[in-house]
PDB file of all heavy atoms in Angstrom:
ATOM      1  N   GLN A   1     236.114  93.408 191.225  1.00  0.00           N
ATOM      2  CA  GLN A   1     235.457  94.691 191.483  1.00  0.00           C
ATOM      3  C   GLN A   1     236.477  95.822 191.403  1.00  0.00           C
ATOM      4  O   GLN A   1     236.200  96.891 190.870  1.00  0.00           O
ATOM      5  CB  GLN A   1     234.759  94.695 192.851  1.00  0.00           C
ATOM      6  CG  GLN A   1     233.557  93.800 192.936  1.00  0.00           C
ATOM      7  CD  GLN A   1     232.429  94.238 192.034  1.00  0.00           C
ATOM      8  OE1 GLN A   1     232.149  95.424 191.878  1.00  0.00           O
ATOM      9  NE2 GLN A   1     231.759  93.274 191.422  1.00  0.00           N
ATOM     10  N   ALA A   2     237.663  95.581 191.952  1.00  0.00           N
ATOM     11  CA  ALA A   2     238.701  96.609 191.968  1.00  0.00           C
ATOM     12  C   ALA A   2     239.380  96.773 190.609  1.00  0.00           C
ATOM     13  O   ALA A   2     239.833  97.866 190.266  1.00  0.00           O
ATOM     14  CB  ALA A   2     239.748  96.281 193.030  1.00  0.00           C
ATOM     15  N   TYR A   3     239.446  95.694 189.850  1.00  0.00           N
ATOM     16  CA  TYR A   3     240.129  95.707 188.545  1.00  0.00           C
ATOM     17  C   TYR A   3     239.215  95.096 187.486  1.00  0.00           C
ATOM     18  O   TYR A   3     239.417  93.956 187.046  1.00  0.00           O
ATOM     19  CB  TYR A   3     241.454  94.938 188.621  1.00  0.00           C
ATOM     20  CG  TYR A   3     242.437  95.544 189.576  1.00  0.00           C
ATOM     21  CD1 TYR A   3     242.569  95.066 190.874  1.00  0.00           C
ATOM     22  CD2 TYR A   3     243.242  96.608 189.180  1.00  0.00           C
ATOM     23  CE1 TYR A   3     243.475  95.629 191.754  1.00  0.00           C
ATOM     24  CE2 TYR A   3     244.152  97.177 190.058  1.00  0.00           C
ATOM     25  CZ  TYR A   3     244.256  96.682 191.348  1.00  0.00           C
ATOM     26  OH  TYR A   3     245.151  97.252 192.212  1.00  0.00           O
ATOM     27  N   PRO A   4     238.196  95.837 187.063  1.00  0.00           N
ATOM     28  CA  PRO A   4     237.221  95.274 186.113  1.00  0.00           C
ATOM     29  C   PRO A   4     237.805  94.938 184.742  1.00  0.00           C
ATOM     30  O   PRO A   4     237.219  94.147 184.003  1.00  0.00           O
ATOM     31  CB  PRO A   4     236.142  96.359 186.010  1.00  0.00           C
ATOM     32  CG  PRO A   4     236.782  97.606 186.504  1.00  0.00           C
ATOM     33  CD  PRO A   4     237.859  97.193 187.463  1.00  0.00           C
ATOM     34  N   SER A   5     238.956  95.495 184.398  1.00  0.00           N
ATOM     35  CA  SER A   5     239.542  95.186 183.086  1.00  0.00           C
ATOM     36  C   SER A   5     240.270  93.843 183.083  1.00  0.00           C
ATOM     37  O   SER A   5     240.623  93.329 182.027  1.00  0.00           O
ATOM     38  CB  SER A   5     240.509  96.294 182.661  1.00  0.00           C
ATOM     39  OG  SER A   5     241.603  96.358 183.556  1.00  0.00           O
ATOM     40  N   LEU A   6     240.475  93.256 184.246  1.00  0.00           N
ATOM     41  CA  LEU A   6     241.119  91.948 184.331  1.00  0.00           C
ATOM     42  C   LEU A   6     240.144  90.888 183.830  1.00  0.00           C
ATOM     43  O   LEU A   6     239.008  90.805 184.291  1.00  0.00           O
ATOM     44  CB  LEU A   6     241.538  91.650 185.773  1.00  0.00           C
ATOM     45  CG  LEU A   6     242.149  90.285 186.044  1.00  0.00           C
ATOM     46  CD1 LEU A   6     243.409  90.061 185.214  1.00  0.00           C
ATOM     47  CD2 LEU A   6     242.453  90.130 187.519  1.00  0.00           C
ATOM     48  N   ASN A   7     240.575  90.077 182.890  1.00  0.00           N
ATOM     49  CA  ASN A   7     239.744  89.023 182.317  1.00  0.00           C
ATOM     50  C   ASN A   7     239.703  87.845 183.292  1.00  0.00           C
ATOM     51  O   ASN A   7     240.679  87.122 183.448  1.00  0.00           O
ATOM     52  CB  ASN A   7     240.337  88.607 180.959  1.00  0.00           C
ATOM     53  CG  ASN A   7     239.518  87.557 180.252  1.00  0.00           C
ATOM     54  OD1 ASN A   7     238.802  86.786 180.863  1.00  0.00           O
ATOM     55  ND2 ASN A   7     239.651  87.521 178.940  1.00  0.00           N
ATOM     56  N   ALA A   8     238.549  87.647 183.946  1.00  0.00           N
ATOM     57  CA  ALA A   8     238.406  86.588 184.945  1.00  0.00           C
ATOM     58  C   ALA A   8     238.594  85.214 184.319  1.00  0.00           C
ATOM     59  O   ALA A   8     239.181  84.322 184.933  1.00  0.00           O
ATOM     60  CB  ALA A   8     237.037  86.682 185.615  1.00  0.00           C
ATOM     61  N   ASN A   9     238.107  85.035 183.104  1.00  0.00           N
ATOM     62  CA  ASN A   9     238.255  83.747 182.431  1.00  0.00           C
ATOM     63  C   ASN A   9     239.733  83.420 182.225  1.00  0.00           C
ATOM     64  O   ASN A   9     240.175  82.301 182.459  1.00  0.00           O
ATOM     65  CB  ASN A   9     237.505  83.758 181.103  1.00  0.00           C
ATOM     66  CG  ASN A   9     237.339  82.374 180.526  1.00  0.00           C
ATOM     67  OD1 ASN A   9     237.075  81.420 181.243  1.00  0.00           O
ATOM     68  ND2 ASN A   9     237.492  82.267 179.227  1.00  0.00           N
ATOM     69  N   TRP A  10     240.508  84.408 181.808  1.00  0.00           N
ATOM     70  CA  TRP A  10     241.947  84.204 181.634  1.00  0.00           C
ATOM     71  C   TRP A  10     242.609  83.877 182.976  1.00  0.00           C
ATOM     72  O   TRP A  10     243.411  82.956 183.065  1.00  0.00           O
ATOM     73  CB  TRP A  10     242.604  85.446 181.034  1.00  0.00           C
ATOM     74  CG  TRP A  10     244.092  85.367 181.047  1.00  0.00           C
ATOM     75  CD1 TRP A  10     244.888  84.697 180.169  1.00  0.00           C
ATOM     76  CD2 TRP A  10     244.971  85.931 182.031  1.00  0.00           C
ATOM     77  NE1 TRP A  10     246.210  84.815 180.532  1.00  0.00           N
ATOM     78  CE2 TRP A  10     246.286  85.576 181.673  1.00  0.00           C
ATOM     79  CE3 TRP A  10     244.781  86.713 183.164  1.00  0.00           C
ATOM     80  CZ2 TRP A  10     247.402  85.973 182.407  1.00  0.00           C
ATOM     81  CZ3 TRP A  10     245.887  87.106 183.899  1.00  0.00           C
ATOM     82  CH2 TRP A  10     247.172  86.730 183.520  1.00  0.00           C
ATOM     83  N   LEU A  11     242.265  84.616 184.008  1.00  0.00           N
ATOM     84  CA  LEU A  11     242.875  84.414 185.312  1.00  0.00           C
ATOM     85  C   LEU A  11     242.615  83.001 185.838  1.00  0.00           C
ATOM     86  O   LEU A  11     243.522  82.321 186.299  1.00  0.00           O
ATOM     87  CB  LEU A  11     242.358  85.443 186.323  1.00  0.00           C
ATOM     88  CG  LEU A  11     242.913  85.316 187.735  1.00  0.00           C
ATOM     89  CD1 LEU A  11     244.412  85.580 187.761  1.00  0.00           C
ATOM     90  CD2 LEU A  11     242.188  86.262 188.669  1.00  0.00           C
ATOM     91  N   ILE A  12     241.386  82.547 185.726  1.00  0.00           N
ATOM     92  CA  ILE A  12     241.006  81.266 186.314  1.00  0.00           C
ATOM     93  C   ILE A  12     241.376  80.082 185.423  1.00  0.00           C
ATOM     94  O   ILE A  12     241.902  79.078 185.906  1.00  0.00           O
ATOM     95  CB  ILE A  12     239.498  81.263 186.643  1.00  0.00           C
ATOM     96  CG1 ILE A  12     239.208  82.330 187.712  1.00  0.00           C
ATOM     97  CG2 ILE A  12     239.034  79.890 187.099  1.00  0.00           C
ATOM     98  CD1 ILE A  12     237.750  82.647 187.904  1.00  0.00           C
ATOM     99  N   THR A  13     241.123  80.192 184.121  1.00  0.00           N
ATOM    100  CA  THR A  13     241.323  79.036 183.233  1.00  0.00           C
ATOM    101  C   THR A  13     242.504  79.175 182.291  1.00  0.00           C
ATOM    102  O   THR A  13     242.941  78.184 181.710  1.00  0.00           O
ATOM    103  CB  THR A  13     240.073  78.807 182.366  1.00  0.00           C
ATOM    104  OG1 THR A  13     239.933  79.894 181.448  1.00  0.00           O
ATOM    105  CG2 THR A  13     238.821  78.654 183.209  1.00  0.00           C
ATOM    106  N   GLY A  14     242.963  80.395 182.080  1.00  0.00           N
ATOM    107  CA  GLY A  14     244.030  80.612 181.108  1.00  0.00           C
ATOM    108  C   GLY A  14     243.499  80.811 179.705  1.00  0.00           C
ATOM    109  O   GLY A  14     244.254  81.058 178.778  1.00  0.00           O
ATOM    110  N   VAL A  15     242.180  80.710 179.540  1.00  0.00           N
ATOM    111  CA  VAL A  15     241.551  80.891 178.241  1.00  0.00           C
ATOM    112  C   VAL A  15     241.164  82.343 178.087  1.00  0.00           C
ATOM    113  O   VAL A  15     240.628  82.956 178.998  1.00  0.00           O
ATOM    114  CB  VAL A  15     240.300  79.995 178.095  1.00  0.00           C
ATOM    115  CG1 VAL A  15     239.586  80.254 176.775  1.00  0.00           C
ATOM    116  CG2 VAL A  15     240.681  78.531 178.223  1.00  0.00           C
ATOM    117  N   GLY A  16     241.452  82.882 176.932  1.00  0.00           N
ATOM    118  CA  GLY A  16     241.164  84.290 176.689  1.00  0.00           C
ATOM    119  C   GLY A  16     242.442  85.075 176.748  1.00  0.00           C
ATOM    120  O   GLY A  16     243.545  84.528 176.753  1.00  0.00           O
ATOM    121  N   TYR A  17     242.283  86.329 176.813  1.00  0.00           N
ATOM    122  CA  TYR A  17     243.448  87.196 176.771  1.00  0.00           C
ATOM    123  C   TYR A  17     243.302  88.290 177.797  1.00  0.00           C
ATOM    124  O   TYR A  17     242.214  88.770 178.062  1.00  0.00           O
ATOM    125  CB  TYR A  17     243.584  87.811 175.378  1.00  0.00           C
ATOM    126  CG  TYR A  17     244.790  88.702 175.250  1.00  0.00           C
ATOM    127  CD1 TYR A  17     246.062  88.166 175.196  1.00  0.00           C
ATOM    128  CD2 TYR A  17     244.648  90.074 175.210  1.00  0.00           C
ATOM    129  CE1 TYR A  17     247.171  88.974 175.093  1.00  0.00           C
ATOM    130  CE2 TYR A  17     245.754  90.898 175.098  1.00  0.00           C
ATOM    131  CZ  TYR A  17     247.018  90.335 175.043  1.00  0.00           C
ATOM    132  OH  TYR A  17     248.113  91.139 174.944  1.00  0.00           O
ATOM    133  N   THR A  18     244.397  88.658 178.368  1.00  0.00           N
ATOM    134  CA  THR A  18     244.409  89.808 179.258  1.00  0.00           C
ATOM    135  C   THR A  18     245.346  90.845 178.675  1.00  0.00           C
ATOM    136  O   THR A  18     246.348  90.518 178.066  1.00  0.00           O
ATOM    137  CB  THR A  18     244.853  89.448 180.688  1.00  0.00           C
ATOM    138  OG1 THR A  18     244.683  90.597 181.507  1.00  0.00           O
ATOM    139  CG2 THR A  18     246.283  89.013 180.754  1.00  0.00           C
ATOM    140  N   THR A  19     244.990  92.056 178.828  1.00  0.00           N
ATOM    141  CA  THR A  19     245.857  93.141 178.390  1.00  0.00           C
ATOM    142  C   THR A  19     245.991  94.118 179.530  1.00  0.00           C
ATOM    143  O   THR A  19     245.079  94.291 180.321  1.00  0.00           O
ATOM    144  CB  THR A  19     245.329  93.832 177.129  1.00  0.00           C
ATOM    145  OG1 THR A  19     246.274  94.795 176.697  1.00  0.00           O
ATOM    146  CG2 THR A  19     244.004  94.512 177.337  1.00  0.00           C
ATOM    147  N   THR A  20     247.110  94.704 179.603  1.00  0.00           N
ATOM    148  CA  THR A  20     247.326  95.694 180.644  1.00  0.00           C
ATOM    149  C   THR A  20     247.764  96.992 180.001  1.00  0.00           C
ATOM    150  O   THR A  20     248.170  97.021 178.845  1.00  0.00           O
ATOM    151  CB  THR A  20     248.428  95.249 181.623  1.00  0.00           C
ATOM    152  OG1 THR A  20     249.651  95.166 180.914  1.00  0.00           O
ATOM    153  CG2 THR A  20     248.100  93.927 182.268  1.00  0.00           C
ATOM    154  N   ILE A  21     247.690  98.043 180.751  1.00  0.00           N
ATOM    155  CA  ILE A  21     248.138  99.336 180.251  1.00  0.00           C
ATOM    156  C   ILE A  21     249.606  99.255 179.863  1.00  0.00           C
ATOM    157  O   ILE A  21     250.024  99.784 178.842  1.00  0.00           O
ATOM    158  CB  ILE A  21     247.894 100.423 181.319  1.00  0.00           C
ATOM    159  CG1 ILE A  21     246.385 100.604 181.528  1.00  0.00           C
ATOM    160  CG2 ILE A  21     248.546 101.735 180.930  1.00  0.00           C
ATOM    161  CD1 ILE A  21     246.020 101.443 182.723  1.00  0.00           C
ATOM    162  N   THR A  22     250.394  98.556 180.659  1.00  0.00           N
ATOM    163  CA  THR A  22     251.826  98.423 180.364  1.00  0.00           C
ATOM    164  C   THR A  22     252.043  97.746 179.022  1.00  0.00           C
ATOM    165  O   THR A  22     252.839  98.204 178.206  1.00  0.00           O
ATOM    166  CB  THR A  22     252.523  97.615 181.480  1.00  0.00           C
ATOM    167  OG1 THR A  22     252.277  98.252 182.722  1.00  0.00           O
ATOM    168  CG2 THR A  22     254.013  97.512 181.236  1.00  0.00           C
ATOM    169  N   GLU A  23     251.323  96.648 178.772  1.00  0.00           N
ATOM    170  CA  GLU A  23     251.467  95.937 177.498  1.00  0.00           C
ATOM    171  C   GLU A  23     251.008  96.806 176.337  1.00  0.00           C
ATOM    172  O   GLU A  23     251.630  96.829 175.291  1.00  0.00           O
ATOM    173  CB  GLU A  23     250.683  94.630 177.526  1.00  0.00           C
ATOM    174  CG  GLU A  23     251.297  93.581 178.424  1.00  0.00           C
ATOM    175  CD  GLU A  23     250.408  92.372 178.611  1.00  0.00           C
ATOM    176  OE1 GLU A  23     249.206  92.450 178.296  1.00  0.00           O
ATOM    177  OE2 GLU A  23     250.912  91.342 179.082  1.00  0.00           O
ATOM    178  N   ASP A  24     249.896  97.523 176.525  1.00  0.00           N
ATOM    179  CA  ASP A  24     249.408  98.413 175.465  1.00  0.00           C
ATOM    180  C   ASP A  24     250.435  99.481 175.137  1.00  0.00           C
ATOM    181  O   ASP A  24     250.691  99.786 173.987  1.00  0.00           O
ATOM    182  CB  ASP A  24     248.095  99.099 175.888  1.00  0.00           C
ATOM    183  CG  ASP A  24     246.901  98.174 175.822  1.00  0.00           C
ATOM    184  OD1 ASP A  24     247.010  97.107 175.190  1.00  0.00           O
ATOM    185  OD2 ASP A  24     245.865  98.525 176.408  1.00  0.00           O
ATOM    186  N   LYS A  25     251.033 100.078 176.160  1.00  0.00           N
ATOM    187  CA  LYS A  25     252.024 101.124 175.946  1.00  0.00           C
ATOM    188  C   LYS A  25     253.241 100.564 175.226  1.00  0.00           C
ATOM    189  O   LYS A  25     253.761 101.201 174.318  1.00  0.00           O
ATOM    190  CB  LYS A  25     252.443 101.752 177.276  1.00  0.00           C
ATOM    191  CG  LYS A  25     253.530 102.800 177.121  1.00  0.00           C
ATOM    192  CD  LYS A  25     253.315 103.960 178.014  1.00  0.00           C
ATOM    193  CE  LYS A  25     254.396 104.995 177.929  1.00  0.00           C
ATOM    194  NZ  LYS A  25     254.705 105.467 176.613  1.00  0.00           N
ATOM    195  N   GLN A  26     253.687  99.379 175.605  1.00  0.00           N
ATOM    196  CA  GLN A  26     254.832  98.768 174.936  1.00  0.00           C
ATOM    197  C   GLN A  26     254.531  98.523 173.467  1.00  0.00           C
ATOM    198  O   GLN A  26     255.377  98.749 172.607  1.00  0.00           O
ATOM    199  CB  GLN A  26     255.221  97.451 175.619  1.00  0.00           C
ATOM    200  CG  GLN A  26     255.865  97.652 176.964  1.00  0.00           C
ATOM    201  CD  GLN A  26     256.066  96.352 177.707  1.00  0.00           C
ATOM    202  OE1 GLN A  26     255.505  95.310 177.368  1.00  0.00           O
ATOM    203  NE2 GLN A  26     256.890  96.407 178.746  1.00  0.00           N
ATOM    204  N   ARG A  27     253.318  98.049 173.169  1.00  0.00           N
ATOM    205  CA  ARG A  27     252.947  97.818 171.768  1.00  0.00           C
ATOM    206  C   ARG A  27     252.917  99.134 171.001  1.00  0.00           C
ATOM    207  O   ARG A  27     253.380  99.217 169.878  1.00  0.00           O
ATOM    208  CB  ARG A  27     251.593  97.120 171.688  1.00  0.00           C
ATOM    209  CG  ARG A  27     251.675  95.618 171.814  1.00  0.00           C
ATOM    210  CD  ARG A  27     250.396  94.967 171.349  1.00  0.00           C
ATOM    211  NE  ARG A  27     249.276  95.294 172.204  1.00  0.00           N
ATOM    212  CZ  ARG A  27     248.940  94.617 173.288  1.00  0.00           C
ATOM    213  NH1 ARG A  27     249.636  93.586 173.665  1.00  0.00           N
ATOM    214  NH2 ARG A  27     247.903  94.976 174.007  1.00  0.00           N
ATOM    215  N   GLN A  28     252.369 100.179 171.598  1.00  0.00           N
ATOM    216  CA  GLN A  28     252.301 101.476 170.931  1.00  0.00           C
ATOM    217  C   GLN A  28     253.689 102.040 170.697  1.00  0.00           C
ATOM    218  O   GLN A  28     253.972 102.603 169.645  1.00  0.00           O
ATOM    219  CB  GLN A  28     251.476 102.460 171.758  1.00  0.00           C
ATOM    220  CG  GLN A  28     249.999 102.155 171.760  1.00  0.00           C
ATOM    221  CD  GLN A  28     249.233 103.027 172.736  1.00  0.00           C
ATOM    222  OE1 GLN A  28     249.802 103.853 173.431  1.00  0.00           O
ATOM    223  NE2 GLN A  28     247.929 102.825 172.791  1.00  0.00           N
ATOM    224  N   ASP A  29     254.575 101.899 171.681  1.00  0.00           N
ATOM    225  CA  ASP A  29     255.935 102.415 171.553  1.00  0.00           C
ATOM    226  C   ASP A  29     256.720 101.681 170.477  1.00  0.00           C
ATOM    227  O   ASP A  29     257.594 102.259 169.838  1.00  0.00           O
ATOM    228  CB  ASP A  29     256.689 102.321 172.875  1.00  0.00           C
ATOM    229  CG  ASP A  29     256.163 103.299 173.910  1.00  0.00           C
ATOM    230  OD1 ASP A  29     255.405 104.229 173.528  1.00  0.00           O
ATOM    231  OD2 ASP A  29     256.500 103.136 175.094  1.00  0.00           O
ATOM    232  N   SER A  30     256.417 100.402 170.272  1.00  0.00           N
ATOM    233  CA  SER A  30     257.173  99.615 169.302  1.00  0.00           C
ATOM    234  C   SER A  30     256.632  99.770 167.883  1.00  0.00           C
ATOM    235  O   SER A  30     257.287  99.382 166.935  1.00  0.00           O
ATOM    236  CB  SER A  30     257.181  98.141 169.693  1.00  0.00           C
ATOM    237  OG  SER A  30     255.884  97.595 169.564  1.00  0.00           O
ATOM    238  N   LYS A  31     255.439 100.320 167.732  1.00  0.00           N
ATOM    239  CA  LYS A  31     254.848 100.486 166.405  1.00  0.00           C
ATOM    240  C   LYS A  31     255.085 101.902 165.911  1.00  0.00           C
ATOM    241  O   LYS A  31     254.798 102.865 166.598  1.00  0.00           O
ATOM    242  CB  LYS A  31     253.346 100.208 166.432  1.00  0.00           C
ATOM    243  CG  LYS A  31     253.017  98.762 166.652  1.00  0.00           C
ATOM    244  CD  LYS A  31     251.521  98.558 166.565  1.00  0.00           C
ATOM    245  CE  LYS A  31     251.176  97.103 166.728  1.00  0.00           C
ATOM    246  NZ  LYS A  31     249.738  96.885 166.591  1.00  0.00           N
ATOM    247  N   LYS A  32     255.604 101.995 164.709  1.00  0.00           N
ATOM    248  CA  LYS A  32     255.822 103.289 164.072  1.00  0.00           C
ATOM    249  C   LYS A  32     255.092 103.283 162.728  1.00  0.00           C
ATOM    250  O   LYS A  32     255.116 102.291 162.009  1.00  0.00           O
ATOM    251  CB  LYS A  32     257.317 103.551 163.834  1.00  0.00           C
ATOM    252  CG  LYS A  32     258.156 103.479 165.098  1.00  0.00           C
ATOM    253  CD  LYS A  32     257.859 104.625 166.021  1.00  0.00           C
ATOM    254  CE  LYS A  32     258.752 104.540 167.255  1.00  0.00           C
ATOM    255  NZ  LYS A  32     258.226 105.133 168.401  1.00  0.00           N
ATOM    256  N   LEU A  33     254.477 104.389 162.390  1.00  0.00           N
ATOM    257  CA  LEU A  33     253.767 104.521 161.130  1.00  0.00           C
ATOM    258  C   LEU A  33     254.784 104.655 160.008  1.00  0.00           C
ATOM    259  O   LEU A  33     255.674 105.496 160.052  1.00  0.00           O
ATOM    260  CB  LEU A  33     252.862 105.764 161.169  1.00  0.00           C
ATOM    261  CG  LEU A  33     251.971 105.981 159.969  1.00  0.00           C
ATOM    262  CD1 LEU A  33     250.972 104.850 159.819  1.00  0.00           C
ATOM    263  CD2 LEU A  33     251.239 107.300 160.111  1.00  0.00           C
ATOM    264  N   SER A  34     254.683 103.788 159.005  1.00  0.00           N
ATOM    265  CA  SER A  34     255.643 103.842 157.900  1.00  0.00           C
ATOM    266  C   SER A  34     255.009 104.330 156.605  1.00  0.00           C
ATOM    267  O   SER A  34     255.682 104.912 155.768  1.00  0.00           O
ATOM    268  CB  SER A  34     256.279 102.472 157.670  1.00  0.00           C
ATOM    269  OG  SER A  34     255.292 101.538 157.282  1.00  0.00           O
ATOM    270  N   ARG A  35     253.702 104.077 156.448  1.00  0.00           N
ATOM    271  CA  ARG A  35     253.031 104.552 155.238  1.00  0.00           C
ATOM    272  C   ARG A  35     251.518 104.536 155.436  1.00  0.00           C
ATOM    273  O   ARG A  35     251.011 103.835 156.306  1.00  0.00           O
ATOM    274  CB  ARG A  35     253.401 103.711 154.027  1.00  0.00           C
ATOM    275  CG  ARG A  35     252.916 102.303 154.113  1.00  0.00           C
ATOM    276  CD  ARG A  35     253.366 101.494 152.919  1.00  0.00           C
ATOM    277  NE  ARG A  35     252.966 100.116 153.127  1.00  0.00           N
ATOM    278  CZ  ARG A  35     252.974  99.214 152.215  1.00  0.00           C
ATOM    279  NH1 ARG A  35     253.392  99.507 150.999  1.00  0.00           N
ATOM    280  NH2 ARG A  35     252.599  97.996 152.464  1.00  0.00           N
ATOM    281  N   VAL A  36     250.834 105.304 154.611  1.00  0.00           N
ATOM    282  CA  VAL A  36     249.382 105.357 154.616  1.00  0.00           C
ATOM    283  C   VAL A  36     248.921 105.136 153.189  1.00  0.00           C
ATOM    284  O   VAL A  36     249.457 105.756 152.254  1.00  0.00           O
ATOM    285  CB  VAL A  36     248.862 106.727 155.126  1.00  0.00           C
ATOM    286  CG1 VAL A  36     247.349 106.807 155.006  1.00  0.00           C
ATOM    287  CG2 VAL A  36     249.318 106.965 156.554  1.00  0.00           C
ATOM    288  N   VAL A  37     247.953 104.257 153.005  1.00  0.00           N
ATOM    289  CA  VAL A  37     247.409 104.002 151.680  1.00  0.00           C
ATOM    290  C   VAL A  37     245.949 104.430 151.692  1.00  0.00           C
ATOM    291  O   VAL A  37     245.178 104.018 152.552  1.00  0.00           O
ATOM    292  CB  VAL A  37     247.528 102.510 151.295  1.00  0.00           C
ATOM    293  CG1 VAL A  37     246.932 102.261 149.921  1.00  0.00           C
ATOM    294  CG2 VAL A  37     248.978 102.048 151.364  1.00  0.00           C
ATOM    295  N   VAL A  38     245.568 105.275 150.731  1.00  0.00           N
ATOM    296  CA  VAL A  38     244.202 105.759 150.604  1.00  0.00           C
ATOM    297  C   VAL A  38     243.604 105.144 149.348  1.00  0.00           C
ATOM    298  O   VAL A  38     244.165 105.285 148.252  1.00  0.00           O
ATOM    299  CB  VAL A  38     244.158 107.304 150.500  1.00  0.00           C
ATOM    300  CG1 VAL A  38     242.729 107.785 150.342  1.00  0.00           C
ATOM    301  CG2 VAL A  38     244.830 107.940 151.711  1.00  0.00           C
ATOM    302  N   PHE A  39     242.469 104.451 149.504  1.00  0.00           N
ATOM    303  CA  PHE A  39     241.791 103.834 148.365  1.00  0.00           C
ATOM    304  C   PHE A  39     240.578 104.676 147.990  1.00  0.00           C
ATOM    305  O   PHE A  39     239.815 105.087 148.851  1.00  0.00           O
ATOM    306  CB  PHE A  39     241.340 102.412 148.717  1.00  0.00           C
ATOM    307  CG  PHE A  39     242.484 101.461 148.941  1.00  0.00           C
ATOM    308  CD1 PHE A  39     242.997 101.248 150.207  1.00  0.00           C
ATOM    309  CD2 PHE A  39     243.042 100.789 147.868  1.00  0.00           C
ATOM    310  CE1 PHE A  39     244.049 100.386 150.413  1.00  0.00           C
ATOM    311  CE2 PHE A  39     244.098  99.910 148.060  1.00  0.00           C
ATOM    312  CZ  PHE A  39     244.605  99.709 149.337  1.00  0.00           C
ATOM    313  N   TYR A  40     240.404 104.891 146.679  1.00  0.00           N
ATOM    314  CA  TYR A  40     239.294 105.690 146.166  1.00  0.00           C
ATOM    315  C   TYR A  40     238.247 104.788 145.522  1.00  0.00           C
ATOM    316  O   TYR A  40     238.538 103.635 145.166  1.00  0.00           O
ATOM    317  CB  TYR A  40     239.807 106.715 145.150  1.00  0.00           C
ATOM    318  CG  TYR A  40     240.762 107.725 145.771  1.00  0.00           C
ATOM    319  CD1 TYR A  40     242.142 107.604 145.612  1.00  0.00           C
ATOM    320  CD2 TYR A  40     240.284 108.781 146.529  1.00  0.00           C
ATOM    321  CE1 TYR A  40     243.019 108.513 146.182  1.00  0.00           C
ATOM    322  CE2 TYR A  40     241.147 109.704 147.102  1.00  0.00           C
ATOM    323  CZ  TYR A  40     242.515 109.555 146.932  1.00  0.00           C
ATOM    324  OH  TYR A  40     243.369 110.459 147.500  1.00  0.00           O
ATOM    325  N   ASN A  41     237.029 105.346 145.350  1.00  0.00           N
ATOM    326  CA  ASN A  41     235.928 104.588 144.748  1.00  0.00           C
ATOM    327  C   ASN A  41     236.219 104.136 143.325  1.00  0.00           C
ATOM    328  O   ASN A  41     235.675 103.139 142.872  1.00  0.00           O
ATOM    329  CB  ASN A  41     234.635 105.419 144.757  1.00  0.00           C
ATOM    330  CG  ASN A  41     234.084 105.582 146.163  1.00  0.00           C
ATOM    331  OD1 ASN A  41     234.409 104.807 147.054  1.00  0.00           O
ATOM    332  ND2 ASN A  41     233.262 106.596 146.347  1.00  0.00           N
ATOM    333  N   ASP A  42     237.064 104.856 142.603  1.00  0.00           N
ATOM    334  CA  ASP A  42     237.365 104.486 141.211  1.00  0.00           C
ATOM    335  C   ASP A  42     238.461 103.422 141.119  1.00  0.00           C
ATOM    336  O   ASP A  42     239.048 103.212 140.075  1.00  0.00           O
ATOM    337  CB  ASP A  42     237.754 105.730 140.398  1.00  0.00           C
ATOM    338  CG  ASP A  42     239.060 106.353 140.857  1.00  0.00           C
ATOM    339  OD1 ASP A  42     239.651 105.867 141.837  1.00  0.00           O
ATOM    340  OD2 ASP A  42     239.466 107.345 140.227  1.00  0.00           O
ATOM    341  N   GLN A  43     238.739 102.751 142.223  1.00  0.00           N
ATOM    342  CA  GLN A  43     239.730 101.679 142.320  1.00  0.00           C
ATOM    343  C   GLN A  43     241.178 102.174 142.291  1.00  0.00           C
ATOM    344  O   GLN A  43     242.100 101.374 142.244  1.00  0.00           O
ATOM    345  CB  GLN A  43     239.519 100.613 141.222  1.00  0.00           C
ATOM    346  CG  GLN A  43     238.123  99.998 141.190  1.00  0.00           C
ATOM    347  CD  GLN A  43     237.725  99.353 142.518  1.00  0.00           C
ATOM    348  OE1 GLN A  43     238.515  98.697 143.152  1.00  0.00           O
ATOM    349  NE2 GLN A  43     236.487  99.548 142.930  1.00  0.00           N
ATOM    350  N   SER A  44     241.407 103.464 142.295  1.00  0.00           N
ATOM    351  CA  SER A  44     242.770 103.995 142.348  1.00  0.00           C
ATOM    352  C   SER A  44     243.156 104.184 143.811  1.00  0.00           C
ATOM    353  O   SER A  44     242.318 104.095 144.708  1.00  0.00           O
ATOM    354  CB  SER A  44     242.875 105.317 141.580  1.00  0.00           C
ATOM    355  OG  SER A  44     242.084 106.299 142.211  1.00  0.00           O
ATOM    356  N   PHE A  45     244.426 104.433 144.033  1.00  0.00           N
ATOM    357  CA  PHE A  45     244.892 104.643 145.393  1.00  0.00           C
ATOM    358  C   PHE A  45     246.122 105.521 145.392  1.00  0.00           C
ATOM    359  O   PHE A  45     246.776 105.720 144.366  1.00  0.00           O
ATOM    360  CB  PHE A  45     245.203 103.307 146.089  1.00  0.00           C
ATOM    361  CG  PHE A  45     246.366 102.557 145.497  1.00  0.00           C
ATOM    362  CD1 PHE A  45     247.640 102.736 145.987  1.00  0.00           C
ATOM    363  CD2 PHE A  45     246.176 101.678 144.441  1.00  0.00           C
ATOM    364  CE1 PHE A  45     248.716 102.052 145.446  1.00  0.00           C
ATOM    365  CE2 PHE A  45     247.239 100.988 143.899  1.00  0.00           C
ATOM    366  CZ  PHE A  45     248.523 101.171 144.389  1.00  0.00           C
TER     367      PHE A  45
END
């Protein structure tokens, strides 16, 4: 009730995945945009 984002299945059985704000922030901090690819309808990019 206090932490609805906690995956009860993961906590009890270990099956599934839990994510926390801390883990999300670490993933975001470690990812840097290196390139963007745009695809067009005529198959060009």
